[in-house]
Amino acid sequence: MKYASFMMGAYFAITGLGNKLAGEIGEAAEKLGAMEVFTAVTIFCIVFGLLLLLFVKKLKALSHGAEEETPQDIVEVEA
């Protein structure tokens, strides 16, 4: 029950933070203009994507083979 309660709290906290960020971006769009805001969002996404590509091997190692499981393997474990 503690885990489910934590997950619900985390969901609502992240949703609230996302809404706050959306409001801040909207406010910046009014001040700076849409082109500057969307350019900044594009640059952020490109940089974040490059960082993910840089760390993909480490991320796969941290997953401990989770991507190699098939749905059939999961059903066999549950049974």
Foldseek 3Di string as FASTA:
>chain_A
DVVVVVVVVVVVVVVVVVVVVVVVLVVVCVVPNDVVSVVVVVVVVVVVVVVCVVCVVVVVVVVVCPVVDDPVNVVVVVD
